[in-house]
Amino acid sequence: MSHDYSSYFGPGKRNIRHTDFRDSAAKLMWASDYQYDFDSKGNWTHRKVWVTIAGDPSPILFAEDARTISYWDE
């Protein structure tokens, strides 16, 4: 298997938006799409990962993550 293509939100490749996973013949095996909620500092606080398997048109919720970030006052 080879990881073939990814796109990101914004500069710096911090938050992945989409990725394709392909076999050695470049046939799509599955794709992952990411949804985020961002805080006022641009860090994600909630993320869902949707996976679409080749041949199945319906994405599957693969993972859901939440995090709380505390910032020190400057």
N, C-alpha and C. Protein backbone atom coordinates (compact mmCIF):
# COMPACT_ATOMS: atom_id res chain seq x y z
N MET A 1 0.84 -1.17 0.00
CA MET A 1 0.00 0.00 0.00
C MET A 1 0.89 1.23 0.00
N SER A 2 0.47 2.25 -0.73
CA SER A 2 1.18 3.51 -0.70
C SER A 2 0.22 4.64 -0.40
N HIS A 3 0.65 5.55 0.42
CA HIS A 3 -0.14 6.74 0.75
C HIS A 3 0.15 7.73 -0.35
N ASP A 4 -0.87 8.10 -1.10
CA ASP A 4 -0.65 8.78 -2.36
C ASP A 4 -0.85 10.29 -2.34
N TYR A 5 -1.85 10.79 -1.65
CA TYR A 5 -2.21 12.20 -1.79
C TYR A 5 -2.83 12.72 -0.50
N SER A 6 -2.45 13.92 -0.10
CA SER A 6 -3.07 14.57 1.05
C SER A 6 -3.24 16.06 0.76
N SER A 7 -4.28 16.65 1.34
CA SER A 7 -4.44 18.10 1.31
C SER A 7 -4.67 18.57 2.74
N TYR A 8 -4.39 19.86 2.98
CA TYR A 8 -4.39 20.39 4.34
C TYR A 8 -5.18 21.69 4.42
N PHE A 9 -5.64 22.02 5.64
CA PHE A 9 -6.25 23.32 5.91
C PHE A 9 -5.12 24.31 6.16
N GLY A 10 -5.08 25.38 5.43
CA GLY A 10 -4.12 26.44 5.67
C GLY A 10 -2.68 26.05 5.39
N PRO A 11 -1.77 26.98 5.64
CA PRO A 11 -0.35 26.74 5.39
C PRO A 11 0.28 25.87 6.48
N GLY A 12 1.39 25.26 6.18
CA GLY A 12 2.18 24.55 7.17
C GLY A 12 1.81 23.10 7.41
N LYS A 13 0.84 22.59 6.72
CA LYS A 13 0.44 21.18 6.84
C LYS A 13 0.16 20.77 8.29
N ARG A 14 -0.53 21.64 9.03
CA ARG A 14 -0.84 21.34 10.43
C ARG A 14 -2.06 20.45 10.60
N ASN A 15 -3.09 20.70 9.79
CA ASN A 15 -4.34 19.98 9.94
C ASN A 15 -4.75 19.38 8.61
N ILE A 16 -4.69 18.07 8.55
CA ILE A 16 -5.00 17.37 7.31
C ILE A 16 -6.48 17.52 6.98
N ARG A 17 -6.79 17.68 5.73
CA ARG A 17 -8.17 17.83 5.27
C ARG A 17 -8.65 16.56 4.60
N HIS A 18 -7.81 15.97 3.77
CA HIS A 18 -8.19 14.79 2.98
C HIS A 18 -6.93 13.98 2.66
N THR A 19 -7.10 12.68 2.64
CA THR A 19 -6.00 11.83 2.18
C THR A 19 -6.56 10.61 1.45
N ASP A 20 -5.85 10.19 0.42
CA ASP A 20 -6.18 8.98 -0.34
C ASP A 20 -5.16 7.91 -0.02
N PHE A 21 -5.60 6.68 0.10
CA PHE A 21 -4.70 5.54 0.27
C PHE A 21 -4.89 4.64 -0.94
N ARG A 22 -3.81 4.39 -1.64
CA ARG A 22 -3.87 3.61 -2.87
C ARG A 22 -2.95 2.40 -2.79
N ASP A 23 -3.27 1.37 -3.58
CA ASP A 23 -2.42 0.19 -3.61
C ASP A 23 -1.24 0.44 -4.56
N SER A 24 -0.41 -0.55 -4.74
CA SER A 24 0.79 -0.39 -5.56
C SER A 24 0.48 -0.14 -7.03
N ALA A 25 -0.75 -0.46 -7.46
CA ALA A 25 -1.19 -0.18 -8.83
C ALA A 25 -1.90 1.16 -8.94
N ALA A 26 -1.86 1.96 -7.89
CA ALA A 26 -2.48 3.28 -7.81
C ALA A 26 -4.01 3.23 -7.77
N LYS A 27 -4.58 2.08 -7.46
CA LYS A 27 -6.04 1.96 -7.32
C LYS A 27 -6.43 2.45 -5.93
N LEU A 28 -7.44 3.32 -5.89
CA LEU A 28 -7.92 3.86 -4.61
C LEU A 28 -8.48 2.74 -3.74
N MET A 29 -7.96 2.64 -2.52
CA MET A 29 -8.46 1.66 -1.56
C MET A 29 -9.47 2.32 -0.60
N TRP A 30 -9.08 3.47 -0.05
CA TRP A 30 -9.99 4.24 0.79
C TRP A 30 -9.50 5.68 0.86
N ALA A 31 -10.40 6.55 1.26
CA ALA A 31 -10.09 7.96 1.43
C ALA A 31 -10.57 8.40 2.81
N SER A 32 -9.86 9.34 3.40
CA SER A 32 -10.23 9.89 4.70
C SER A 32 -10.46 11.38 4.56
N ASP A 33 -11.54 11.87 5.16
CA ASP A 33 -11.84 13.29 5.19
C ASP A 33 -11.99 13.73 6.64
N TYR A 34 -11.45 14.90 6.95
CA TYR A 34 -11.40 15.40 8.32
C TYR A 34 -12.25 16.67 8.44
N GLN A 35 -13.03 16.75 9.52
CA GLN A 35 -13.81 17.94 9.85
C GLN A 35 -13.32 18.46 11.20
N TYR A 36 -13.14 19.77 11.30
CA TYR A 36 -12.62 20.37 12.52
C TYR A 36 -13.51 21.49 13.02
N ASP A 37 -13.49 21.71 14.33
CA ASP A 37 -13.93 22.95 14.96
C ASP A 37 -12.67 23.57 15.54
N PHE A 38 -12.45 24.86 15.25
CA PHE A 38 -11.24 25.54 15.70
C PHE A 38 -11.58 26.58 16.76
N ASP A 39 -10.64 26.81 17.69
CA ASP A 39 -10.82 27.87 18.68
C ASP A 39 -10.31 29.19 18.11
N SER A 40 -10.36 30.23 18.92
CA SER A 40 -9.96 31.57 18.45
C SER A 40 -8.47 31.68 18.13
N LYS A 41 -7.66 30.72 18.59
CA LYS A 41 -6.22 30.72 18.32
C LYS A 41 -5.87 29.87 17.10
N GLY A 42 -6.87 29.24 16.51
CA GLY A 42 -6.64 28.42 15.32
C GLY A 42 -6.30 26.97 15.60
N ASN A 43 -6.45 26.54 16.85
CA ASN A 43 -6.21 25.14 17.20
C ASN A 43 -7.53 24.38 17.20
N TRP A 44 -7.50 23.14 16.74
CA TRP A 44 -8.76 22.39 16.70
C TRP A 44 -9.13 21.91 18.09
N THR A 45 -10.43 21.94 18.35
CA THR A 45 -10.96 21.48 19.63
C THR A 45 -11.88 20.28 19.47
N HIS A 46 -12.32 20.04 18.24
CA HIS A 46 -13.17 18.90 17.93
C HIS A 46 -12.85 18.45 16.51
N ARG A 47 -12.72 17.13 16.32
CA ARG A 47 -12.34 16.60 15.01
C ARG A 47 -13.11 15.32 14.73
N LYS A 48 -13.61 15.19 13.51
CA LYS A 48 -14.23 13.95 13.03
C LYS A 48 -13.44 13.46 11.83
N VAL A 49 -13.24 12.14 11.77
CA VAL A 49 -12.56 11.53 10.64
C VAL A 49 -13.55 10.60 9.94
N TRP A 50 -13.84 10.90 8.69
CA TRP A 50 -14.75 10.11 7.88
C TRP A 50 -13.96 9.29 6.88
N VAL A 51 -14.27 8.01 6.76
CA VAL A 51 -13.58 7.12 5.82
C VAL A 51 -14.57 6.64 4.78
N THR A 52 -14.13 6.72 3.53
CA THR A 52 -14.91 6.18 2.42
C THR A 52 -14.11 5.06 1.79
N ILE A 53 -14.67 3.88 1.74
CA ILE A 53 -14.00 2.70 1.17
C ILE A 53 -14.37 2.61 -0.30
N ALA A 54 -13.39 2.29 -1.13
CA ALA A 54 -13.62 2.18 -2.58
C ALA A 54 -14.81 1.27 -2.85
N GLY A 55 -15.72 1.74 -3.70
CA GLY A 55 -16.90 0.96 -4.06
C GLY A 55 -18.09 1.19 -3.16
N ASP A 56 -17.91 1.88 -2.05
CA ASP A 56 -19.02 2.18 -1.14
C ASP A 56 -19.19 3.70 -1.08
N PRO A 57 -20.31 4.23 -1.56
CA PRO A 57 -20.46 5.68 -1.64
C PRO A 57 -20.69 6.38 -0.30
N SER A 58 -21.01 5.64 0.74
CA SER A 58 -21.34 6.27 2.02
C SER A 58 -20.13 6.33 2.94
N PRO A 59 -19.73 7.54 3.36
CA PRO A 59 -18.64 7.64 4.32
C PRO A 59 -19.05 7.10 5.69
N ILE A 60 -18.06 6.58 6.41
CA ILE A 60 -18.25 6.00 7.75
C ILE A 60 -17.50 6.88 8.74
N LEU A 61 -18.17 7.23 9.84
CA LEU A 61 -17.47 7.96 10.90
C LEU A 61 -16.50 7.00 11.57
N PHE A 62 -15.21 7.25 11.36
CA PHE A 62 -14.16 6.36 11.85
C PHE A 62 -13.67 6.76 13.24
N ALA A 63 -13.56 8.06 13.48
CA ALA A 63 -13.06 8.54 14.77
C ALA A 63 -13.63 9.93 15.06
N GLU A 64 -13.79 10.21 16.34
CA GLU A 64 -14.21 11.54 16.78
C GLU A 64 -13.38 11.89 18.01
N ASP A 65 -12.72 13.04 17.95
CA ASP A 65 -11.82 13.45 19.02
C ASP A 65 -12.21 14.85 19.51
N ALA A 66 -12.01 15.08 20.78
CA ALA A 66 -12.21 16.41 21.36
C ALA A 66 -11.05 16.69 22.30
N ARG A 67 -10.68 17.94 22.38
CA ARG A 67 -9.62 18.32 23.31
C ARG A 67 -9.89 19.72 23.83
N THR A 68 -9.43 19.94 25.05
CA THR A 68 -9.53 21.24 25.69
C THR A 68 -8.13 21.80 25.81
N ILE A 69 -7.97 23.02 25.37
CA ILE A 69 -6.66 23.67 25.41
C ILE A 69 -6.75 24.86 26.34
N SER A 70 -5.83 24.96 27.30
CA SER A 70 -5.77 26.09 28.22
C SER A 70 -4.61 26.98 27.81
N TYR A 71 -4.87 28.26 27.75
CA TYR A 71 -3.84 29.24 27.38
C TYR A 71 -3.50 30.10 28.60
N TRP A 72 -2.24 30.36 28.80
CA TRP A 72 -1.80 31.26 29.86
C TRP A 72 -2.03 32.69 29.42
N ASP A 73 -2.47 33.53 30.34
CA ASP A 73 -2.63 34.96 30.02
C ASP A 73 -1.26 35.58 29.84
N GLU A 74 -1.18 36.45 28.88
CA GLU A 74 0.11 37.11 28.63
C GLU A 74 0.13 38.49 29.22
